[in-house]
């Protein structure tokens, strides 16, 4: 099971994440902030007030919003290697 084990705010909507599989990197979540629960997080001051949940093993915000660690990981990998995004995974 993939888990977020550490996270630090970088800037804008970017977070540096560490995962239980040993990988880490920066992900920009600006495009992930859609829907009612994420609307208030478009305010960068509110966005940067997240924490790593020991229960859900991902980042959570004070309004109850969270993103699945698998989703965040895939976004991080996709953004780090955009040319590989269209290649099928094995």
C-alpha atoms as a PDB file:
ATOM      1  CA  UNK A   1       0.000   0.000   0.000  1.00  0.00           C
ATOM      2  CA  UNK A   2       1.428   3.355  -1.033  1.00  0.00           C
ATOM      3  CA  UNK A   3       1.510   5.974   1.712  1.00  0.00           C
ATOM      4  CA  UNK A   4       2.616   9.586   2.020  1.00  0.00           C
ATOM      5  CA  UNK A   5       5.195   9.667   4.821  1.00  0.00           C
ATOM      6  CA  UNK A   6       6.297  13.297   4.563  1.00  0.00           C
ATOM      7  CA  UNK A   7       5.252  16.532   2.905  1.00  0.00           C
ATOM      8  CA  UNK A   8       6.547  20.103   2.811  1.00  0.00           C
ATOM      9  CA  UNK A   9       5.004  23.117   1.147  1.00  0.00           C
ATOM     10  CA  UNK A  10       7.140  24.495  -1.715  1.00  0.00           C
ATOM     11  CA  UNK A  11       5.188  27.399  -3.271  1.00  0.00           C
ATOM     12  CA  UNK A  12       1.935  28.109  -5.111  1.00  0.00           C
ATOM     13  CA  UNK A  13       0.184  24.747  -5.175  1.00  0.00           C
ATOM     14  CA  UNK A  14       3.370  22.683  -5.122  1.00  0.00           C
ATOM     15  CA  UNK A  15       4.258  20.208  -2.386  1.00  0.00           C
ATOM     16  CA  UNK A  16       7.389  18.119  -1.934  1.00  0.00           C
ATOM     17  CA  UNK A  17       6.286  14.604  -1.002  1.00  0.00           C
ATOM     18  CA  UNK A  18       7.985  11.470   0.332  1.00  0.00           C
ATOM     19  CA  UNK A  19       6.326   8.108  -0.220  1.00  0.00           C
ATOM     20  CA  UNK A  20       6.587   4.760   1.552  1.00  0.00           C
ATOM     21  CA  UNK A  21       8.123   3.206  -1.589  1.00  0.00           C
ATOM     22  CA  UNK A  22      11.208   5.409  -1.101  1.00  0.00           C
ATOM     23  CA  UNK A  23      10.387   7.828  -3.905  1.00  0.00           C
ATOM     24  CA  UNK A  24       9.995  11.565  -3.464  1.00  0.00           C
ATOM     25  CA  UNK A  25       9.459  14.639  -5.563  1.00  0.00           C
ATOM     26  CA  UNK A  26       7.438  17.768  -6.121  1.00  0.00           C
ATOM     27  CA  UNK A  27       3.861  17.746  -7.356  1.00  0.00           C
ATOM     28  CA  UNK A  28       1.820  20.729  -8.525  1.00  0.00           C
ATOM     29  CA  UNK A  29      -1.781  20.202  -7.425  1.00  0.00           C
ATOM     30  CA  UNK A  30      -3.279  23.353  -8.985  1.00  0.00           C
ATOM     31  CA  UNK A  31      -5.294  21.353 -11.535  1.00  0.00           C
ATOM     32  CA  UNK A  32      -6.485  18.886  -8.870  1.00  0.00           C
ATOM     33  CA  UNK A  33      -8.368  21.585  -6.953  1.00  0.00           C
ATOM     34  CA  UNK A  34     -11.809  21.190  -8.498  1.00  0.00           C
ATOM     35  CA  UNK A  35     -15.119  20.401  -6.882  1.00  0.00           C
ATOM     36  CA  UNK A  36     -16.818  21.837  -3.804  1.00  0.00           C
ATOM     37  CA  UNK A  37     -14.462  20.409  -1.153  1.00  0.00           C
ATOM     38  CA  UNK A  38     -11.390  21.851  -2.904  1.00  0.00           C
ATOM     39  CA  UNK A  39     -12.834  25.285  -3.763  1.00  0.00           C
ATOM     40  CA  UNK A  40     -11.573  26.971  -0.578  1.00  0.00           C
ATOM     41  CA  UNK A  41      -8.080  25.525  -1.171  1.00  0.00           C
ATOM     42  CA  UNK A  42      -7.671  27.703  -4.254  1.00  0.00           C
ATOM     43  CA  UNK A  43      -6.675  30.306  -1.651  1.00  0.00           C
ATOM     44  CA  UNK A  44      -2.935  29.536  -1.382  1.00  0.00           C
ATOM     45  CA  UNK A  45      -2.909  30.544   2.294  1.00  0.00           C
ATOM     46  CA  UNK A  46      -5.440  27.782   3.027  1.00  0.00           C
ATOM     47  CA  UNK A  47      -3.828  25.316   0.612  1.00  0.00           C
ATOM     48  CA  UNK A  48      -0.487  25.411   2.376  1.00  0.00           C
ATOM     49  CA  UNK A  49      -2.060  24.486   5.725  1.00  0.00           C
ATOM     50  CA  UNK A  50      -2.058  20.728   5.144  1.00  0.00           C
ATOM     51  CA  UNK A  51      -0.699  17.889   7.220  1.00  0.00           C
ATOM     52  CA  UNK A  52       0.159  14.233   6.715  1.00  0.00           C
ATOM     53  CA  UNK A  53      -2.545  12.080   8.242  1.00  0.00           C
ATOM     54  CA  UNK A  54      -1.368   9.091  10.258  1.00  0.00           C
ATOM     55  CA  UNK A  55      -4.809   7.569   9.738  1.00  0.00           C
ATOM     56  CA  UNK A  56      -5.290   8.088   5.988  1.00  0.00           C
ATOM     57  CA  UNK A  57      -1.563   8.124   5.074  1.00  0.00           C
ATOM     58  CA  UNK A  58      -1.950  11.065   2.738  1.00  0.00           C
ATOM     59  CA  UNK A  59      -2.120  14.839   2.928  1.00  0.00           C
ATOM     60  CA  UNK A  60      -5.253  16.335   4.429  1.00  0.00           C
ATOM     61  CA  UNK A  61      -6.526  19.867   4.905  1.00  0.00           C
ATOM     62  CA  UNK A  62      -8.453  21.376   7.795  1.00  0.00           C
ATOM     63  CA  UNK A  63     -11.692  21.444   5.753  1.00  0.00           C
ATOM     64  CA  UNK A  64     -11.580  17.621   5.452  1.00  0.00           C
ATOM     65  CA  UNK A  65     -10.274  17.503   1.889  1.00  0.00           C
ATOM     66  CA  UNK A  66      -7.706  14.882   0.958  1.00  0.00           C
ATOM     67  CA  UNK A  67      -6.259  13.226  -2.136  1.00  0.00           C
ATOM     68  CA  UNK A  68      -5.455   9.537  -2.507  1.00  0.00           C
ATOM     69  CA  UNK A  69      -1.724   8.854  -2.215  1.00  0.00           C
ATOM     70  CA  UNK A  70      -1.829   6.868  -5.466  1.00  0.00           C
ATOM     71  CA  UNK A  71      -3.320   9.855  -7.304  1.00  0.00           C
ATOM     72  CA  UNK A  72      -0.712  12.259  -5.909  1.00  0.00           C
ATOM     73  CA  UNK A  73       2.090   9.822  -6.745  1.00  0.00           C
ATOM     74  CA  UNK A  74       0.904   9.410 -10.353  1.00  0.00           C
ATOM     75  CA  UNK A  75       0.688  13.203 -10.749  1.00  0.00           C
ATOM     76  CA  UNK A  76       4.195  13.592  -9.327  1.00  0.00           C
ATOM     77  CA  UNK A  77       5.634  11.010 -11.735  1.00  0.00           C
ATOM     78  CA  UNK A  78       3.695  12.438 -14.682  1.00  0.00           C
ATOM     79  CA  UNK A  79       4.932  15.966 -13.968  1.00  0.00           C
ATOM     80  CA  UNK A  80       8.539  14.825 -13.461  1.00  0.00           C
ATOM     81  CA  UNK A  81       8.546  12.898 -16.764  1.00  0.00           C
ATOM     82  CA  UNK A  82       5.943  14.528 -19.052  1.00  0.00           C
ATOM     83  CA  UNK A  83       7.309  12.802 -22.172  1.00  0.00           C
ATOM     84  CA  UNK A  84       6.560   9.415 -20.581  1.00  0.00           C
ATOM     85  CA  UNK A  85       2.978  10.276 -19.589  1.00  0.00           C
ATOM     86  CA  UNK A  86       1.468   8.756 -22.747  1.00  0.00           C
ATOM     87  CA  UNK A  87       3.459   5.515 -22.555  1.00  0.00           C
ATOM     88  CA  UNK A  88       1.596   2.489 -21.236  1.00  0.00           C
ATOM     89  CA  UNK A  89       2.682   1.230 -17.810  1.00  0.00           C
ATOM     90  CA  UNK A  90       3.579  -2.404 -17.295  1.00  0.00           C
END
